[in-house]
C-alpha cells in the first residue's frame, strides 16, 4: 500500500448539487420570471462569465479533472457565477478523501474529521448561494445540483435531508438513475431500512447505465458495506472483488467519502481487512468502536470482525 492514497483518488468522488437554500426543501418545478438586474455584480463581469462557462463544463463531468485551478478561490472572486460556486462546492466535498486514516493517530483523525466537517459546511453554503443566484435570474437548479446537495448532506450525517434531496434528485432525473439509487441505498441502511437498502443497491448494480469502471467500482464498494451490514459476508467479499479495490483503491475511497465519518471509518476497515492489511483493519475497527454513533448491533459486528482478524493473525497449530 503506498504511503498516501491521495493520488489514487482522481476524484471519482463525483456527484452534483442541491435544492433550495433550506437543505430539506424540494426544488421548484417552475422557474420564476427572469430579471436583468440580478445579473449585475459579483466580480469582474466578463472574466467571471468566462470562468462560469468553463465551470459548467467541469460540473457536467463525471469527476473533477486534474487541474491547478482552485475553484474555491474563483468562487471568492465571482460570487454570482453559479457553476463556479457549484464546482467550488464539489471541490470542497471531495477534499482530503484520499488520506489513509489508518496511518493517523487518534488526534490526527479528529483533526481531519473536523476539517472534513468544515469543508462540507462550506460546500453547503456555496450550494445555497448558487441556487439563490439561479433563482434570482429565473433559472431552475442546474442539472446535478440536487444530487450534490444530497451527497453533501449524507456525508455530513444529515440523513433526513439526504433522503429528501435524494428522492427529489431521483424524481427530477437530476443524475443517472443508478447514481441516485446508490445514494438512497446508503440512506436506507443508515436509517435501518435494510431490505430497501439491498433492493436499491442491487438495482443500481444491475442498471445498464453504470457505464464506467470508476462508477461501477464505487457502487460495488457501497454494496460491500451494505451486504456486510445485513450479514451477507460472502456477497460483501464478492462486491469488493467486483469493485477492483485490489488494483486501485480509488473506488472504495470514493464510496467511503459519501458516508458520515464513522461509517467512512468502518468501510475503510472492511476494505483493509479484505486486501489483507490486518493491522490497518484492526486500527480502524477499534477507532470505529471508540465512537458514540454505532448501535449495539453495529458494535457487535465490528467486534466479530476484530475477532476474525485476531484468529487470522495467530500462527497455526
C-alpha atoms as a PDB file:
ATOM      1  CA  UNK A   1       0.000   0.000   0.000  1.00  0.00           C
ATOM      2  CA  UNK A   2       1.540   3.372  -0.914  1.00  0.00           C
ATOM      3  CA  UNK A   3       2.276   5.913   1.811  1.00  0.00           C
ATOM      4  CA  UNK A   4      -0.526   8.083   0.567  1.00  0.00           C
ATOM      5  CA  UNK A   5      -3.586   7.151  -1.441  1.00  0.00           C
ATOM      6  CA  UNK A   6      -4.312  10.718  -2.453  1.00  0.00           C
ATOM      7  CA  UNK A   7      -3.005  10.125  -5.964  1.00  0.00           C
ATOM      8  CA  UNK A   8      -5.465   7.275  -6.493  1.00  0.00           C
ATOM      9  CA  UNK A   9      -8.465   9.464  -5.879  1.00  0.00           C
ATOM     10  CA  UNK A  10      -8.953  11.058  -9.265  1.00  0.00           C
ATOM     11  CA  UNK A  11     -11.987  12.258  -7.644  1.00  0.00           C
ATOM     12  CA  UNK A  12     -14.214   9.577  -8.706  1.00  0.00           C
ATOM     13  CA  UNK A  13     -15.918  11.154  -5.675  1.00  0.00           C
ATOM     14  CA  UNK A  14     -18.130  12.959  -8.136  1.00  0.00           C
ATOM     15  CA  UNK A  15     -21.744  13.998  -7.792  1.00  0.00           C
ATOM     16  CA  UNK A  16     -23.766  17.111  -8.161  1.00  0.00           C
ATOM     17  CA  UNK A  17     -25.631  19.721  -6.146  1.00  0.00           C
ATOM     18  CA  UNK A  18     -28.744  20.570  -4.353  1.00  0.00           C
ATOM     19  CA  UNK A  19     -32.182  22.077  -3.851  1.00  0.00           C
ATOM     20  CA  UNK A  20     -33.420  25.339  -2.378  1.00  0.00           C
ATOM     21  CA  UNK A  21     -31.437  27.219   0.322  1.00  0.00           C
ATOM     22  CA  UNK A  22     -33.146  25.162   3.041  1.00  0.00           C
ATOM     23  CA  UNK A  23     -31.307  21.782   2.967  1.00  0.00           C
ATOM     24  CA  UNK A  24     -34.537  19.842   3.142  1.00  0.00           C
ATOM     25  CA  UNK A  25     -36.655  21.644   0.543  1.00  0.00           C
ATOM     26  CA  UNK A  26     -37.567  20.098  -2.775  1.00  0.00           C
ATOM     27  CA  UNK A  27     -36.674  22.480  -5.658  1.00  0.00           C
ATOM     28  CA  UNK A  28     -39.365  24.365  -7.557  1.00  0.00           C
ATOM     29  CA  UNK A  29     -40.522  22.800 -10.784  1.00  0.00           C
ATOM     30  CA  UNK A  30     -41.262  26.139 -12.500  1.00  0.00           C
ATOM     31  CA  UNK A  31     -38.719  28.926 -12.780  1.00  0.00           C
ATOM     32  CA  UNK A  32     -39.754  32.449 -11.699  1.00  0.00           C
ATOM     33  CA  UNK A  33     -39.660  35.383 -14.149  1.00  0.00           C
ATOM     34  CA  UNK A  34     -36.172  36.424 -15.281  1.00  0.00           C
ATOM     35  CA  UNK A  35     -34.793  39.782 -14.109  1.00  0.00           C
ATOM     36  CA  UNK A  36     -31.929  41.633 -15.791  1.00  0.00           C
ATOM     37  CA  UNK A  37     -30.748  43.387 -12.633  1.00  0.00           C
ATOM     38  CA  UNK A  38     -29.967  40.039 -10.998  1.00  0.00           C
ATOM     39  CA  UNK A  39     -27.042  39.556 -13.384  1.00  0.00           C
ATOM     40  CA  UNK A  40     -25.249  42.680 -12.160  1.00  0.00           C
ATOM     41  CA  UNK A  41     -22.388  42.487  -9.631  1.00  0.00           C
ATOM     42  CA  UNK A  42     -20.330  39.674  -8.180  1.00  0.00           C
ATOM     43  CA  UNK A  43     -16.833  40.281  -9.557  1.00  0.00           C
ATOM     44  CA  UNK A  44     -15.364  41.318 -12.903  1.00  0.00           C
ATOM     45  CA  UNK A  45     -18.325  40.518 -15.132  1.00  0.00           C
ATOM     46  CA  UNK A  46     -16.506  39.407 -18.293  1.00  0.00           C
ATOM     47  CA  UNK A  47     -13.910  37.277 -16.503  1.00  0.00           C
ATOM     48  CA  UNK A  48     -16.499  35.686 -14.242  1.00  0.00           C
ATOM     49  CA  UNK A  49     -18.718  34.800 -17.198  1.00  0.00           C
ATOM     50  CA  UNK A  50     -15.750  33.076 -18.835  1.00  0.00           C
ATOM     51  CA  UNK A  51     -14.969  31.229 -15.597  1.00  0.00           C
ATOM     52  CA  UNK A  52     -18.609  30.204 -15.313  1.00  0.00           C
ATOM     53  CA  UNK A  53     -18.672  28.751 -18.835  1.00  0.00           C
ATOM     54  CA  UNK A  54     -15.556  26.710 -18.012  1.00  0.00           C
ATOM     55  CA  UNK A  55     -17.066  25.634 -14.683  1.00  0.00           C
ATOM     56  CA  UNK A  56     -20.243  24.430 -16.410  1.00  0.00           C
ATOM     57  CA  UNK A  57     -18.128  22.001 -18.450  1.00  0.00           C
ATOM     58  CA  UNK A  58     -16.297  20.794 -15.337  1.00  0.00           C
ATOM     59  CA  UNK A  59     -19.511  20.411 -13.351  1.00  0.00           C
ATOM     60  CA  UNK A  60     -21.002  18.210 -16.050  1.00  0.00           C
ATOM     61  CA  UNK A  61     -18.041  15.804 -15.974  1.00  0.00           C
ATOM     62  CA  UNK A  62     -18.139  12.534 -14.030  1.00  0.00           C
ATOM     63  CA  UNK A  63     -15.177  13.595 -11.867  1.00  0.00           C
ATOM     64  CA  UNK A  64     -13.116  16.692 -11.246  1.00  0.00           C
ATOM     65  CA  UNK A  65     -10.273  16.730 -13.778  1.00  0.00           C
ATOM     66  CA  UNK A  66      -6.703  17.212 -12.587  1.00  0.00           C
ATOM     67  CA  UNK A  67      -6.096  20.955 -12.638  1.00  0.00           C
ATOM     68  CA  UNK A  68      -4.187  23.736 -10.947  1.00  0.00           C
ATOM     69  CA  UNK A  69      -7.386  25.796 -10.789  1.00  0.00           C
ATOM     70  CA  UNK A  70      -8.654  26.411  -7.257  1.00  0.00           C
ATOM     71  CA  UNK A  71     -12.370  26.816  -7.719  1.00  0.00           C
ATOM     72  CA  UNK A  72     -12.869  27.952  -4.135  1.00  0.00           C
ATOM     73  CA  UNK A  73     -10.651  30.948  -4.932  1.00  0.00           C
ATOM     74  CA  UNK A  74     -12.618  31.679  -8.088  1.00  0.00           C
ATOM     75  CA  UNK A  75     -15.835  31.438  -6.082  1.00  0.00           C
ATOM     76  CA  UNK A  76     -14.496  34.153  -3.778  1.00  0.00           C
ATOM     77  CA  UNK A  77     -13.868  36.357  -6.844  1.00  0.00           C
ATOM     78  CA  UNK A  78     -17.108  35.507  -8.657  1.00  0.00           C
ATOM     79  CA  UNK A  79     -19.793  35.262  -6.010  1.00  0.00           C
ATOM     80  CA  UNK A  80     -22.625  35.265  -8.558  1.00  0.00           C
ATOM     81  CA  UNK A  81     -21.191  32.757 -11.029  1.00  0.00           C
ATOM     82  CA  UNK A  82     -23.496  29.801 -10.448  1.00  0.00           C
ATOM     83  CA  UNK A  83     -21.366  26.984 -11.860  1.00  0.00           C
ATOM     84  CA  UNK A  84     -18.191  28.376 -10.295  1.00  0.00           C
ATOM     85  CA  UNK A  85     -19.937  28.186  -6.917  1.00  0.00           C
ATOM     86  CA  UNK A  86     -21.103  24.638  -7.598  1.00  0.00           C
ATOM     87  CA  UNK A  87     -17.707  23.359  -8.743  1.00  0.00           C
ATOM     88  CA  UNK A  88     -16.122  25.006  -5.697  1.00  0.00           C
ATOM     89  CA  UNK A  89     -18.649  23.166  -3.512  1.00  0.00           C
ATOM     90  CA  UNK A  90     -17.792  19.912  -5.223  1.00  0.00           C
ATOM     91  CA  UNK A  91     -14.081  20.599  -4.755  1.00  0.00           C
ATOM     92  CA  UNK A  92     -14.657  21.030  -1.020  1.00  0.00           C
ATOM     93  CA  UNK A  93     -16.887  17.941  -0.858  1.00  0.00           C
ATOM     94  CA  UNK A  94     -14.083  15.663  -2.096  1.00  0.00           C
ATOM     95  CA  UNK A  95     -11.131  17.394  -0.408  1.00  0.00           C
ATOM     96  CA  UNK A  96      -8.963  15.072   1.671  1.00  0.00           C
ATOM     97  CA  UNK A  97     -10.835  11.864   0.948  1.00  0.00           C
ATOM     98  CA  UNK A  98      -7.672  10.048  -0.164  1.00  0.00           C
ATOM     99  CA  UNK A  99      -5.883  10.235   3.176  1.00  0.00           C
ATOM    100  CA  UNK A 100      -5.001   6.986   4.943  1.00  0.00           C
ATOM    101  CA  UNK A 101      -6.951   7.160   8.189  1.00  0.00           C
ATOM    102  CA  UNK A 102      -5.253   4.006   9.482  1.00  0.00           C
ATOM    103  CA  UNK A 103      -1.869   5.741   9.458  1.00  0.00           C
ATOM    104  CA  UNK A 104      -3.126   8.620  11.607  1.00  0.00           C
ATOM    105  CA  UNK A 105      -3.037   8.962  15.364  1.00  0.00           C
ATOM    106  CA  UNK A 106      -6.389   9.302  17.128  1.00  0.00           C
ATOM    107  CA  UNK A 107      -5.810  13.045  17.461  1.00  0.00           C
ATOM    108  CA  UNK A 108      -4.867  13.416  13.791  1.00  0.00           C
ATOM    109  CA  UNK A 109      -8.079  11.612  12.812  1.00  0.00           C
ATOM    110  CA  UNK A 110     -10.081  14.003  14.987  1.00  0.00           C
ATOM    111  CA  UNK A 111      -8.396  16.986  13.325  1.00  0.00           C
ATOM    112  CA  UNK A 112      -9.106  15.502   9.897  1.00  0.00           C
ATOM    113  CA  UNK A 113     -12.745  14.877  10.822  1.00  0.00           C
ATOM    114  CA  UNK A 114     -13.177  18.496  11.944  1.00  0.00           C
ATOM    115  CA  UNK A 115     -11.627  19.735   8.697  1.00  0.00           C
ATOM    116  CA  UNK A 116     -13.943  17.453   6.729  1.00  0.00           C
ATOM    117  CA  UNK A 117     -16.991  18.781   8.584  1.00  0.00           C
ATOM    118  CA  UNK A 118     -15.903  22.374   7.931  1.00  0.00           C
ATOM    119  CA  UNK A 119     -15.426  21.653   4.223  1.00  0.00           C
ATOM    120  CA  UNK A 120     -18.872  20.093   3.975  1.00  0.00           C
ATOM    121  CA  UNK A 121     -20.407  23.069   5.766  1.00  0.00           C
ATOM    122  CA  UNK A 122     -18.676  25.450   3.352  1.00  0.00           C
ATOM    123  CA  UNK A 123     -19.854  23.310   0.434  1.00  0.00           C
ATOM    124  CA  UNK A 124     -23.457  23.509   1.644  1.00  0.00           C
ATOM    125  CA  UNK A 125     -23.231  27.299   1.916  1.00  0.00           C
ATOM    126  CA  UNK A 126     -21.800  27.602  -1.600  1.00  0.00           C
ATOM    127  CA  UNK A 127     -24.581  25.403  -2.958  1.00  0.00           C
ATOM    128  CA  UNK A 128     -27.223  27.508  -1.210  1.00  0.00           C
ATOM    129  CA  UNK A 129     -25.635  30.632  -2.695  1.00  0.00           C
ATOM    130  CA  UNK A 130     -25.553  29.139  -6.193  1.00  0.00           C
ATOM    131  CA  UNK A 131     -29.193  28.142  -6.015  1.00  0.00           C
ATOM    132  CA  UNK A 132     -30.145  31.568  -4.722  1.00  0.00           C
ATOM    133  CA  UNK A 133     -28.391  33.124  -7.722  1.00  0.00           C
ATOM    134  CA  UNK A 134     -30.134  30.722 -10.100  1.00  0.00           C
ATOM    135  CA  UNK A 135     -33.493  31.678  -8.672  1.00  0.00           C
ATOM    136  CA  UNK A 136     -32.697  35.385  -8.864  1.00  0.00           C
ATOM    137  CA  UNK A 137     -32.107  35.192 -12.624  1.00  0.00           C
ATOM    138  CA  UNK A 138     -35.125  32.974 -13.177  1.00  0.00           C
ATOM    139  CA  UNK A 139     -33.333  29.643 -13.622  1.00  0.00           C
ATOM    140  CA  UNK A 140     -34.062  26.228 -12.137  1.00  0.00           C
ATOM    141  CA  UNK A 141     -31.243  24.447 -10.263  1.00  0.00           C
ATOM    142  CA  UNK A 142     -28.596  23.246 -12.748  1.00  0.00           C
ATOM    143  CA  UNK A 143     -28.769  19.572 -13.639  1.00  0.00           C
ATOM    144  CA  UNK A 144     -26.886  17.606 -10.994  1.00  0.00           C
ATOM    145  CA  UNK A 145     -27.255  20.269  -8.322  1.00  0.00           C
ATOM    146  CA  UNK A 146     -29.836  18.487  -6.197  1.00  0.00           C
ATOM    147  CA  UNK A 147     -27.767  15.314  -6.137  1.00  0.00           C
ATOM    148  CA  UNK A 148     -24.618  17.111  -4.994  1.00  0.00           C
ATOM    149  CA  UNK A 149     -26.580  18.683  -2.192  1.00  0.00           C
ATOM    150  CA  UNK A 150     -27.882  15.260  -1.191  1.00  0.00           C
ATOM    151  CA  UNK A 151     -24.315  13.921  -1.309  1.00  0.00           C
ATOM    152  CA  UNK A 152     -23.058  16.725   0.956  1.00  0.00           C
ATOM    153  CA  UNK A 153     -25.941  16.180   3.386  1.00  0.00           C
ATOM    154  CA  UNK A 154     -25.246  12.428   3.538  1.00  0.00           C
ATOM    155  CA  UNK A 155     -21.511  12.873   4.101  1.00  0.00           C
ATOM    156  CA  UNK A 156     -22.265  15.433   6.827  1.00  0.00           C
ATOM    157  CA  UNK A 157     -24.577  12.966   8.590  1.00  0.00           C
ATOM    158  CA  UNK A 158     -27.779  14.913   7.873  1.00  0.00           C
ATOM    159  CA  UNK A 159     -29.594  11.768   6.817  1.00  0.00           C
ATOM    160  CA  UNK A 160     -33.145  13.199   6.767  1.00  0.00           C
ATOM    161  CA  UNK A 161     -32.051  15.975   4.406  1.00  0.00           C
ATOM    162  CA  UNK A 162     -30.128  13.460   2.292  1.00  0.00           C
ATOM    163  CA  UNK A 163     -33.293  11.381   1.873  1.00  0.00           C
ATOM    164  CA  UNK A 164     -35.461  14.364   0.892  1.00  0.00           C
ATOM    165  CA  UNK A 165     -32.888  15.654  -1.560  1.00  0.00           C
ATOM    166  CA  UNK A 166     -32.000  12.209  -2.902  1.00  0.00           C
ATOM    167  CA  UNK A 167     -35.678  11.476  -3.515  1.00  0.00           C
ATOM    168  CA  UNK A 168     -36.061  14.828  -5.289  1.00  0.00           C
ATOM    169  CA  UNK A 169     -32.963  14.106  -7.375  1.00  0.00           C
ATOM    170  CA  UNK A 170     -34.365  10.736  -8.443  1.00  0.00           C
ATOM    171  CA  UNK A 171     -37.780  12.232  -9.283  1.00  0.00           C
ATOM    172  CA  UNK A 172     -36.399  15.022 -11.464  1.00  0.00           C
ATOM    173  CA  UNK A 173     -33.810  12.851 -13.250  1.00  0.00           C
ATOM    174  CA  UNK A 174     -31.062  15.035 -11.843  1.00  0.00           C
ATOM    175  CA  UNK A 175     -28.394  12.351 -12.387  1.00  0.00           C
ATOM    176  CA  UNK A 176     -28.449   8.841 -13.900  1.00  0.00           C
ATOM    177  CA  UNK A 177     -30.880   6.614 -12.007  1.00  0.00           C
ATOM    178  CA  UNK A 178     -28.196   4.254 -10.689  1.00  0.00           C
ATOM    179  CA  UNK A 179     -26.363   7.127  -9.018  1.00  0.00           C
ATOM    180  CA  UNK A 180     -29.485   8.347  -7.230  1.00  0.00           C
ATOM    181  CA  UNK A 181     -30.335   4.761  -6.218  1.00  0.00           C
ATOM    182  CA  UNK A 182     -26.958   4.061  -4.639  1.00  0.00           C
ATOM    183  CA  UNK A 183     -27.165   7.248  -2.559  1.00  0.00           C
ATOM    184  CA  UNK A 184     -30.657   6.340  -1.377  1.00  0.00           C
ATOM    185  CA  UNK A 185     -29.451   2.791  -0.613  1.00  0.00           C
ATOM    186  CA  UNK A 186     -26.868   4.293   1.748  1.00  0.00           C
ATOM    187  CA  UNK A 187     -29.579   6.439   3.353  1.00  0.00           C
ATOM    188  CA  UNK A 188     -31.798   3.372   3.778  1.00  0.00           C
ATOM    189  CA  UNK A 189     -29.038   1.460   5.543  1.00  0.00           C
ATOM    190  CA  UNK A 190     -28.284   4.347   7.896  1.00  0.00           C
ATOM    191  CA  UNK A 191     -31.978   4.544   8.805  1.00  0.00           C
ATOM    192  CA  UNK A 192     -32.255   0.794   9.401  1.00  0.00           C
ATOM    193  CA  UNK A 193     -34.255   0.048   6.232  1.00  0.00           C
ATOM    194  CA  UNK A 194     -32.126  -2.982   5.394  1.00  0.00           C
ATOM    195  CA  UNK A 195     -34.368  -4.661   2.815  1.00  0.00           C
ATOM    196  CA  UNK A 196     -34.813  -1.413   0.910  1.00  0.00           C
ATOM    197  CA  UNK A 197     -31.057  -0.769   1.007  1.00  0.00           C
ATOM    198  CA  UNK A 198     -30.351  -4.178  -0.547  1.00  0.00           C
ATOM    199  CA  UNK A 199     -33.066  -3.735  -3.189  1.00  0.00           C
ATOM    200  CA  UNK A 200     -31.796  -0.317  -4.204  1.00  0.00           C
ATOM    201  CA  UNK A 201     -28.103  -1.185  -4.328  1.00  0.00           C
ATOM    202  CA  UNK A 202     -28.926  -4.320  -6.322  1.00  0.00           C
ATOM    203  CA  UNK A 203     -30.920  -2.202  -8.796  1.00  0.00           C
ATOM    204  CA  UNK A 204     -28.011   0.236  -9.075  1.00  0.00           C
ATOM    205  CA  UNK A 205     -25.554  -2.611  -9.740  1.00  0.00           C
ATOM    206  CA  UNK A 206     -27.796  -4.210 -12.353  1.00  0.00           C
ATOM    207  CA  UNK A 207     -28.529  -0.958 -14.158  1.00  0.00           C
ATOM    208  CA  UNK A 208     -27.178  -0.899 -17.680  1.00  0.00           C
ATOM    209  CA  UNK A 209     -26.485   2.801 -17.157  1.00  0.00           C
ATOM    210  CA  UNK A 210     -23.423   2.102 -14.979  1.00  0.00           C
ATOM    211  CA  UNK A 211     -21.126   2.742 -17.881  1.00  0.00           C
ATOM    212  CA  UNK A 212     -17.691   3.488 -16.413  1.00  0.00           C
ATOM    213  CA  UNK A 213     -15.329   1.319 -14.414  1.00  0.00           C
ATOM    214  CA  UNK A 214     -14.940   4.017 -11.746  1.00  0.00           C
ATOM    215  CA  UNK A 215     -18.691   4.482 -11.286  1.00  0.00           C
ATOM    216  CA  UNK A 216     -19.309   0.744 -11.147  1.00  0.00           C
ATOM    217  CA  UNK A 217     -16.472   0.327  -8.655  1.00  0.00           C
ATOM    218  CA  UNK A 218     -17.937   2.928  -6.302  1.00  0.00           C
ATOM    219  CA  UNK A 219     -21.335   1.239  -6.473  1.00  0.00           C
ATOM    220  CA  UNK A 220     -19.787  -2.173  -5.738  1.00  0.00           C
ATOM    221  CA  UNK A 221     -17.796  -0.773  -2.789  1.00  0.00           C
ATOM    222  CA  UNK A 222     -21.004   0.664  -1.310  1.00  0.00           C
ATOM    223  CA  UNK A 223     -22.653  -2.707  -1.917  1.00  0.00           C
ATOM    224  CA  UNK A 224     -19.888  -4.408   0.091  1.00  0.00           C
ATOM    225  CA  UNK A 225     -20.677  -2.128   3.048  1.00  0.00           C
ATOM    226  CA  UNK A 226     -24.414  -2.816   2.743  1.00  0.00           C
ATOM    227  CA  UNK A 227     -24.064  -6.594   2.336  1.00  0.00           C
ATOM    228  CA  UNK A 228     -21.685  -6.765   5.305  1.00  0.00           C
ATOM    229  CA  UNK A 229     -24.130  -4.856   7.499  1.00  0.00           C
ATOM    230  CA  UNK A 230     -27.025  -7.163   6.635  1.00  0.00           C
ATOM    231  CA  UNK A 231     -24.871 -10.231   7.372  1.00  0.00           C
ATOM    232  CA  UNK A 232     -24.126 -11.500   3.860  1.00  0.00           C
ATOM    233  CA  UNK A 233     -20.343 -11.518   4.167  1.00  0.00           C
ATOM    234  CA  UNK A 234     -19.795 -13.650   1.079  1.00  0.00           C
ATOM    235  CA  UNK A 235     -21.717 -11.131  -1.042  1.00  0.00           C
ATOM    236  CA  UNK A 236     -19.666  -8.362   0.582  1.00  0.00           C
ATOM    237  CA  UNK A 237     -16.412 -10.072  -0.428  1.00  0.00           C
ATOM    238  CA  UNK A 238     -17.702 -10.611  -3.958  1.00  0.00           C
ATOM    239  CA  UNK A 239     -18.693  -6.940  -4.212  1.00  0.00           C
ATOM    240  CA  UNK A 240     -15.219  -5.848  -3.104  1.00  0.00           C
ATOM    241  CA  UNK A 241     -13.721  -8.131  -5.743  1.00  0.00           C
ATOM    242  CA  UNK A 242     -16.019  -6.639  -8.383  1.00  0.00           C
ATOM    243  CA  UNK A 243     -15.064  -3.099  -7.323  1.00  0.00           C
ATOM    244  CA  UNK A 244     -11.440  -3.702  -8.288  1.00  0.00           C
ATOM    245  CA  UNK A 245     -10.047  -2.397  -4.995  1.00  0.00           C
ATOM    246  CA  UNK A 246      -7.163  -4.841  -5.104  1.00  0.00           C
ATOM    247  CA  UNK A 247      -5.790  -2.998  -8.138  1.00  0.00           C
ATOM    248  CA  UNK A 248      -6.953   0.533  -7.432  1.00  0.00           C
ATOM    249  CA  UNK A 249      -8.360   1.719  -4.091  1.00  0.00           C
ATOM    250  CA  UNK A 250      -9.936   4.885  -5.525  1.00  0.00           C
ATOM    251  CA  UNK A 251     -13.394   3.293  -5.748  1.00  0.00           C
ATOM    252  CA  UNK A 252     -13.573   2.396  -2.065  1.00  0.00           C
ATOM    253  CA  UNK A 253     -12.153   5.794  -1.074  1.00  0.00           C
ATOM    254  CA  UNK A 254     -14.821   7.490  -3.187  1.00  0.00           C
ATOM    255  CA  UNK A 255     -17.571   5.304  -1.741  1.00  0.00           C
ATOM    256  CA  UNK A 256     -16.401   5.915   1.829  1.00  0.00           C
ATOM    257  CA  UNK A 257     -16.378   9.677   1.224  1.00  0.00           C
ATOM    258  CA  UNK A 258     -20.140   9.575   0.601  1.00  0.00           C
ATOM    259  CA  UNK A 259     -20.789   8.372   4.155  1.00  0.00           C
ATOM    260  CA  UNK A 260     -20.868  10.019   7.586  1.00  0.00           C
ATOM    261  CA  UNK A 261     -17.396   9.918   9.116  1.00  0.00           C
ATOM    262  CA  UNK A 262     -17.918   6.939  11.434  1.00  0.00           C
ATOM    263  CA  UNK A 263     -19.225   4.823   8.546  1.00  0.00           C
ATOM    264  CA  UNK A 264     -16.348   6.010   6.398  1.00  0.00           C
ATOM    265  CA  UNK A 265     -14.033   4.562   9.061  1.00  0.00           C
ATOM    266  CA  UNK A 266     -15.996   1.286   9.051  1.00  0.00           C
ATOM    267  CA  UNK A 267     -15.984   0.850   5.263  1.00  0.00           C
ATOM    268  CA  UNK A 268     -12.248   1.556   5.111  1.00  0.00           C
ATOM    269  CA  UNK A 269     -11.710  -1.014   7.887  1.00  0.00           C
ATOM    270  CA  UNK A 270     -13.632  -3.579   5.832  1.00  0.00           C
ATOM    271  CA  UNK A 271     -11.519  -2.724   2.811  1.00  0.00           C
ATOM    272  CA  UNK A 272      -8.241  -3.095   4.716  1.00  0.00           C
ATOM    273  CA  UNK A 273      -9.373  -6.485   6.012  1.00  0.00           C
ATOM    274  CA  UNK A 274     -10.384  -7.566   2.512  1.00  0.00           C
ATOM    275  CA  UNK A 275      -6.989  -6.758   0.989  1.00  0.00           C
ATOM    276  CA  UNK A 276      -5.113  -8.383   3.897  1.00  0.00           C
ATOM    277  CA  UNK A 277      -3.858  -5.296   5.758  1.00  0.00           C
ATOM    278  CA  UNK A 278      -4.873  -6.748   9.105  1.00  0.00           C
ATOM    279  CA  UNK A 279      -3.090  -4.177  11.267  1.00  0.00           C
ATOM    280  CA  UNK A 280      -4.721  -1.249   9.467  1.00  0.00           C
ATOM    281  CA  UNK A 281      -8.077  -3.020   9.657  1.00  0.00           C
ATOM    282  CA  UNK A 282      -7.627  -3.533  13.407  1.00  0.00           C
ATOM    283  CA  UNK A 283      -6.778   0.140  13.964  1.00  0.00           C
ATOM    284  CA  UNK A 284      -9.850   1.300  12.067  1.00  0.00           C
ATOM    285  CA  UNK A 285     -12.293  -1.167  13.649  1.00  0.00           C
ATOM    286  CA  UNK A 286     -11.040  -0.090  17.084  1.00  0.00           C
ATOM    287  CA  UNK A 287     -11.419   3.568  16.074  1.00  0.00           C
ATOM    288  CA  UNK A 288     -14.995   2.810  14.997  1.00  0.00           C
ATOM    289  CA  UNK A 289     -15.742   1.121  18.319  1.00  0.00           C
ATOM    290  CA  UNK A 290     -14.391   4.165  20.133  1.00  0.00           C
ATOM    291  CA  UNK A 291     -17.079   6.381  18.640  1.00  0.00           C
ATOM    292  CA  UNK A 292     -20.525   7.185  20.027  1.00  0.00           C
ATOM    293  CA  UNK A 293     -22.616   6.698  16.867  1.00  0.00           C
ATOM    294  CA  UNK A 294     -22.666   2.889  16.333  1.00  0.00           C
ATOM    295  CA  UNK A 295     -25.617   0.927  17.702  1.00  0.00           C
ATOM    296  CA  UNK A 296     -25.153  -2.148  19.880  1.00  0.00           C
ATOM    297  CA  UNK A 297     -25.701  -4.435  16.883  1.00  0.00           C
ATOM    298  CA  UNK A 298     -23.178  -2.481  14.803  1.00  0.00           C
ATOM    299  CA  UNK A 299     -20.631  -2.692  17.616  1.00  0.00           C
ATOM    300  CA  UNK A 300     -21.119  -6.441  17.859  1.00  0.00           C
ATOM    301  CA  UNK A 301     -20.483  -6.811  14.124  1.00  0.00           C
ATOM    302  CA  UNK A 302     -17.274  -4.775  14.384  1.00  0.00           C
ATOM    303  CA  UNK A 303     -16.135  -6.917  17.330  1.00  0.00           C
ATOM    304  CA  UNK A 304     -16.717 -10.059  15.258  1.00  0.00           C
ATOM    305  CA  UNK A 305     -14.533  -8.637  12.518  1.00  0.00           C
ATOM    306  CA  UNK A 306     -11.833  -7.883  15.090  1.00  0.00           C
ATOM    307  CA  UNK A 307     -12.045 -11.428  16.436  1.00  0.00           C
ATOM    308  CA  UNK A 308     -11.693 -12.813  12.902  1.00  0.00           C
ATOM    309  CA  UNK A 309      -8.610 -10.645  12.361  1.00  0.00           C
ATOM    310  CA  UNK A 310      -7.103 -11.959  15.591  1.00  0.00           C
ATOM    311  CA  UNK A 311      -7.738 -15.570  14.583  1.00  0.00           C
ATOM    312  CA  UNK A 312      -6.137 -14.940  11.187  1.00  0.00           C
ATOM    313  CA  UNK A 313      -3.100 -13.356  12.859  1.00  0.00           C
ATOM    314  CA  UNK A 314      -2.384 -16.260  15.187  1.00  0.00           C
ATOM    315  CA  UNK A 315       0.046 -18.874  13.886  1.00  0.00           C
ATOM    316  CA  UNK A 316      -1.480 -22.246  13.073  1.00  0.00           C
ATOM    317  CA  UNK A 317      -1.030 -25.312  15.347  1.00  0.00           C
END
